[in-house]
C-alpha atoms as a PDB file:
ATOM      1  CA  MET A   1      -7.809  15.981  -5.427  1.00  0.00           C
ATOM      2  CA  GLU A   2      -7.867  15.075  -1.783  1.00  0.00           C
ATOM      3  CA  PHE A   3      -4.761  14.696   0.363  1.00  0.00           C
ATOM      4  CA  GLU A   4      -4.504  12.044   3.067  1.00  0.00           C
ATOM      5  CA  ASP A   5      -2.435  12.308   6.244  1.00  0.00           C
ATOM      6  CA  GLN A   6       0.113   9.495   6.162  1.00  0.00           C
ATOM      7  CA  ASP A   7      -0.115   9.131   9.946  1.00  0.00           C
ATOM      8  CA  LYS A   8      -3.569   7.627   9.433  1.00  0.00           C
ATOM      9  CA  TYR A   9      -1.979   4.697   7.558  1.00  0.00           C
ATOM     10  CA  LEU A  10       1.434   4.435   9.226  1.00  0.00           C
ATOM     11  CA  ASP A  11       0.688   1.486  11.539  1.00  0.00           C
ATOM     12  CA  VAL A  12      -0.694  -0.590   8.680  1.00  0.00           C
ATOM     13  CA  ALA A  13       2.137   0.539   6.397  1.00  0.00           C
ATOM     14  CA  LEU A  14       4.795  -0.548   8.892  1.00  0.00           C
ATOM     15  CA  GLU A  15       3.159  -3.954   9.165  1.00  0.00           C
ATOM     16  CA  ILE A  16       3.065  -4.235   5.376  1.00  0.00           C
ATOM     17  CA  ALA A  17       6.708  -3.131   5.100  1.00  0.00           C
ATOM     18  CA  LEU A  18       7.704  -6.265   7.004  1.00  0.00           C
ATOM     19  CA  ARG A  19       6.808  -8.134   3.796  1.00  0.00           C
ATOM     20  CA  ARG A  20      10.051  -6.843   2.265  1.00  0.00           C
ATOM     21  CA  ILE A  21       9.064  -3.532   0.701  1.00  0.00           C
ATOM     22  CA  VAL A  22      10.073  -0.066   1.821  1.00  0.00           C
ATOM     23  CA  VAL A  23       7.752   1.960   4.046  1.00  0.00           C
ATOM     24  CA  TYR A  24       7.251   4.581   1.334  1.00  0.00           C
ATOM     25  CA  ASP A  25       5.818   1.928  -1.015  1.00  0.00           C
ATOM     26  CA  SER A  26       3.848   0.284   1.763  1.00  0.00           C
ATOM     27  CA  LEU A  27       2.042   3.568   2.523  1.00  0.00           C
ATOM     28  CA  PHE A  28       0.436   3.440  -0.919  1.00  0.00           C
ATOM     29  CA  VAL A  29      -0.530  -0.196  -0.390  1.00  0.00           C
ATOM     30  CA  ALA A  30      -2.001   0.667   3.026  1.00  0.00           C
ATOM     31  CA  LEU A  31      -4.021   3.532   1.547  1.00  0.00           C
ATOM     32  CA  ALA A  32      -5.427   1.291  -1.186  1.00  0.00           C
ATOM     33  CA  LEU A  33      -6.158  -1.479   1.309  1.00  0.00           C
ATOM     34  CA  GLU A  34      -7.837   0.708   3.917  1.00  0.00           C
ATOM     35  CA  GLU A  35      -9.872   2.753   1.420  1.00  0.00           C
ATOM     36  CA  GLY A  36     -10.795  -0.134  -0.876  1.00  0.00           C
ATOM     37  CA  LEU A  37      -9.079   1.462  -3.853  1.00  0.00           C
ATOM     38  CA  PRO A  38      -7.071  -0.123  -6.673  1.00  0.00           C
ATOM     39  CA  LEU A  39      -3.323   0.479  -6.803  1.00  0.00           C
ATOM     40  CA  LEU A  40      -1.587   1.588  -9.985  1.00  0.00           C
ATOM     41  CA  THR A  41       2.080   0.582  -9.898  1.00  0.00           C
ATOM     42  CA  LEU A  42       4.864  -0.827 -12.042  1.00  0.00           C
ATOM     43  CA  ASP A  43       6.905  -1.817  -8.980  1.00  0.00           C
ATOM     44  CA  VAL A  44       7.106  -5.615  -8.913  1.00  0.00           C
ATOM     45  CA  GLY A  45       7.535  -5.912  -5.142  1.00  0.00           C
ATOM     46  CA  GLN A  46       4.753  -3.469  -4.374  1.00  0.00           C
ATOM     47  CA  ARG A  47       2.494  -5.268  -6.855  1.00  0.00           C
ATOM     48  CA  ARG A  48       3.263  -8.658  -5.266  1.00  0.00           C
ATOM     49  CA  VAL A  49       2.540  -7.460  -1.726  1.00  0.00           C
ATOM     50  CA  ALA A  50      -0.619  -5.554  -2.681  1.00  0.00           C
ATOM     51  CA  SER A  51      -1.990  -8.546  -4.577  1.00  0.00           C
ATOM     52  CA  SER A  52      -1.253 -10.869  -1.669  1.00  0.00           C
ATOM     53  CA  LEU A  53      -3.322  -8.577   0.566  1.00  0.00           C
ATOM     54  CA  GLY A  54      -6.271  -8.608  -1.838  1.00  0.00           C
ATOM     55  CA  VAL A  55      -5.690  -5.133  -3.288  1.00  0.00           C
ATOM     56  CA  LYS A  56      -6.645  -4.866  -6.959  1.00  0.00           C
ATOM     57  CA  VAL A  57      -3.518  -3.859  -8.870  1.00  0.00           C
ATOM     58  CA  LEU A  58      -3.744  -2.065 -12.197  1.00  0.00           C
END
């Protein structure tokens, strides 16, 4: 398992959070977006935002 520093994704996450999700959730979307990874979530809002940004949601 590899840990990522959230500061690396904070600017993107704050921009994503303006789409009406909390910053905590947007950090996971930003990580998936920036690293080209799928996002596993049951959160409807997070799923909606991630999908709208082209992130594959599982």
